[in-house]
C-alpha atoms as a PDB file:
ATOM      1  CA  MET A   1      -0.106   0.086   0.032  1.00  0.00           C
ATOM      2  CA  ALA A   2       0.860   3.697  -0.337  1.00  0.00           C
ATOM      3  CA  TYR A   3      -0.472   6.779   0.912  1.00  0.00           C
ATOM      4  CA  VAL A   4      -1.734   9.214  -1.809  1.00  0.00           C
ATOM      5  CA  VAL A   5      -2.010  13.014  -1.603  1.00  0.00           C
ATOM      6  CA  SER A   6      -4.015  15.053  -4.160  1.00  0.00           C
ATOM      7  CA  ALA A   7      -3.665  18.734  -3.391  1.00  0.00           C
ATOM      8  CA  VAL A   8      -5.224  21.781  -5.062  1.00  0.00           C
ATOM      9  CA  TRP A   9      -3.748  25.356  -4.511  1.00  0.00           C
ATOM     10  CA  THR A  10      -5.502  28.435  -5.910  1.00  0.00           C
ATOM     11  CA  ALA A  11      -3.244  31.503  -5.913  1.00  0.00           C
ATOM     12  CA  LYS A  12      -4.478  35.078  -4.749  1.00  0.00           C
ATOM     13  CA  PRO A  13      -4.706  37.305  -7.890  1.00  0.00           C
ATOM     14  CA  GLY A  14      -1.492  38.438  -8.918  1.00  0.00           C
ATOM     15  CA  LYS A  15       0.406  35.652  -6.608  1.00  0.00           C
ATOM     16  CA  GLU A  16       0.558  33.079  -9.051  1.00  0.00           C
ATOM     17  CA  GLU A  17       4.252  33.342 -10.228  1.00  0.00           C
ATOM     18  CA  LEU A  18       5.360  33.619  -6.527  1.00  0.00           C
ATOM     19  CA  VAL A  19       3.439  30.150  -5.865  1.00  0.00           C
ATOM     20  CA  ARG A  20       4.721  28.441  -9.124  1.00  0.00           C
ATOM     21  CA  ASP A  21       8.218  29.428  -8.029  1.00  0.00           C
ATOM     22  CA  VAL A  22       7.801  28.026  -4.381  1.00  0.00           C
ATOM     23  CA  ILE A  23       6.495  24.930  -5.963  1.00  0.00           C
ATOM     24  CA  ARG A  24       9.304  24.534  -8.231  1.00  0.00           C
ATOM     25  CA  GLN A  25      11.756  24.845  -5.355  1.00  0.00           C
ATOM     26  CA  LEU A  26       9.655  22.068  -3.531  1.00  0.00           C
ATOM     27  CA  VAL A  27       9.823  19.568  -6.251  1.00  0.00           C
ATOM     28  CA  PRO A  28      13.580  18.403  -6.175  1.00  0.00           C
ATOM     29  CA  LEU A  29      13.489  18.561  -2.439  1.00  0.00           C
ATOM     30  CA  SER A  30      10.226  16.556  -1.986  1.00  0.00           C
ATOM     31  CA  ARG A  31      11.504  13.968  -4.404  1.00  0.00           C
ATOM     32  CA  ALA A  32      14.565  13.479  -2.439  1.00  0.00           C
ATOM     33  CA  GLU A  33      12.758  12.440   0.829  1.00  0.00           C
ATOM     34  CA  PRO A  34      13.331   8.793   1.531  1.00  0.00           C
ATOM     35  CA  GLY A  35       9.433   8.187   1.888  1.00  0.00           C
ATOM     36  CA  CYS A  36       8.576  10.359  -1.314  1.00  0.00           C
ATOM     37  CA  ARG A  37       7.862   7.791  -4.346  1.00  0.00           C
ATOM     38  CA  PHE A  38       6.029  10.523  -6.657  1.00  0.00           C
ATOM     39  CA  TYR A  39       5.650  14.298  -6.565  1.00  0.00           C
ATOM     40  CA  GLN A  40       4.427  16.161  -9.604  1.00  0.00           C
ATOM     41  CA  PRO A  41       2.856  19.500  -9.756  1.00  0.00           C
ATOM     42  CA  TYR A  42       0.764  20.416 -12.678  1.00  0.00           C
ATOM     43  CA  SER A  43      -1.275  23.350 -13.919  1.00  0.00           C
ATOM     44  CA  ASP A  44      -3.809  24.269 -16.581  1.00  0.00           C
ATOM     45  CA  PRO A  45      -2.550  27.073 -18.794  1.00  0.00           C
ATOM     46  CA  ALA A  46      -6.004  28.316 -19.079  1.00  0.00           C
ATOM     47  CA  VAL A  47      -6.286  28.941 -15.291  1.00  0.00           C
ATOM     48  CA  PRO A  48      -2.991  30.140 -14.270  1.00  0.00           C
ATOM     49  CA  ARG A  49      -3.733  30.595 -10.660  1.00  0.00           C
ATOM     50  CA  LEU A  50      -4.887  26.893 -10.204  1.00  0.00           C
ATOM     51  CA  PHE A  51      -2.056  24.432  -9.295  1.00  0.00           C
ATOM     52  CA  ARG A  52      -2.309  20.658  -8.407  1.00  0.00           C
ATOM     53  CA  LEU A  53       0.106  18.674  -6.898  1.00  0.00           C
ATOM     54  CA  PHE A  54      -0.105  14.678  -6.931  1.00  0.00           C
ATOM     55  CA  GLU A  55       1.931  12.937  -4.333  1.00  0.00           C
ATOM     56  CA  ILE A  56       2.673   9.471  -3.432  1.00  0.00           C
ATOM     57  CA  TYR A  57       4.402   8.601  -0.287  1.00  0.00           C
ATOM     58  CA  ASP A  58       5.215   4.987   1.309  1.00  0.00           C
ATOM     59  CA  ASP A  59       2.835   5.459   4.102  1.00  0.00           C
ATOM     60  CA  GLU A  60       1.060   8.364   6.056  1.00  0.00           C
ATOM     61  CA  ALA A  61       4.169   8.603   8.356  1.00  0.00           C
ATOM     62  CA  ALA A  62       6.192   9.519   5.332  1.00  0.00           C
ATOM     63  CA  TYR A  63       3.538  12.207   4.332  1.00  0.00           C
ATOM     64  CA  LYS A  64       3.811  13.469   7.912  1.00  0.00           C
ATOM     65  CA  ALA A  65       7.500  13.760   7.734  1.00  0.00           C
ATOM     66  CA  HIS A  66       7.184  15.413   4.344  1.00  0.00           C
ATOM     67  CA  ALA A  67       4.956  18.204   6.158  1.00  0.00           C
ATOM     68  CA  GLU A  68       7.223  18.585   9.090  1.00  0.00           C
ATOM     69  CA  SER A  69      10.598  19.003   6.821  1.00  0.00           C
ATOM     70  CA  GLU A  70      12.391  22.193   6.872  1.00  0.00           C
ATOM     71  CA  HIS A  71      11.706  22.778   3.136  1.00  0.00           C
ATOM     72  CA  PHE A  72       8.149  22.451   3.340  1.00  0.00           C
ATOM     73  CA  GLN A  73       7.942  24.681   6.537  1.00  0.00           C
ATOM     74  CA  ARG A  74       9.999  27.371   4.987  1.00  0.00           C
ATOM     75  CA  LEU A  75       8.712  27.251   1.249  1.00  0.00           C
ATOM     76  CA  ALA A  76       5.161  25.898   1.557  1.00  0.00           C
ATOM     77  CA  LEU A  77       3.861  27.051   4.965  1.00  0.00           C
ATOM     78  CA  GLU A  78       5.776  30.354   5.085  1.00  0.00           C
ATOM     79  CA  GLN A  79       5.891  31.377   1.504  1.00  0.00           C
ATOM     80  CA  ALA A  80       3.363  29.989  -0.685  1.00  0.00           C
ATOM     81  CA  ILE A  81       0.402  29.159   1.536  1.00  0.00           C
ATOM     82  CA  PRO A  82      -0.026  32.710   2.923  1.00  0.00           C
ATOM     83  CA  GLN A  83      -0.630  33.647  -0.917  1.00  0.00           C
ATOM     84  CA  LEU A  84      -3.303  31.267  -1.444  1.00  0.00           C
ATOM     85  CA  GLU A  85      -6.944  32.043  -1.978  1.00  0.00           C
ATOM     86  CA  SER A  86      -7.781  28.127  -1.115  1.00  0.00           C
ATOM     87  CA  ARG A  87      -6.101  25.208  -0.529  1.00  0.00           C
ATOM     88  CA  GLU A  88      -7.802  21.618  -0.777  1.00  0.00           C
ATOM     89  CA  ARG A  89      -6.061  18.417   0.135  1.00  0.00           C
ATOM     90  CA  ARG A  90      -7.347  14.667  -0.394  1.00  0.00           C
ATOM     91  CA  PHE A  91      -5.902  11.607   1.021  1.00  0.00           C
ATOM     92  CA  TYR A  92      -6.052   8.159  -0.367  1.00  0.00           C
ATOM     93  CA  GLU A  93      -4.526   4.769   0.234  1.00  0.00           C
ATOM     94  CA  THR A  94      -3.711   2.302  -2.780  1.00  0.00           C
ATOM     95  CA  PHE A  95      -4.966  -1.084  -2.353  1.00  0.00           C
ATOM     96  CA  GLU A  96      -2.810  -3.146  -4.823  1.00  0.00           C
END
């Protein structure tokens, strides 16, 4: 089994490039985490303020370690998330 996270971030108007830059910084750091199997942001060019992140971790503990990491705290919590209009997360577990 794996722990799957699907996140949707909507940047405040005018903050989309700041949020995009922070996500770009998060990608290599998150992918390097020991429990991270997959970490992929994507966006729709027609909706530049909307960002989606698809993440797969070994288990929930690995996801929690990601959320508590220095880079997530510094980049996501301190820089990007305050610039969001909304943030949604959904959590899943694989079964095969």
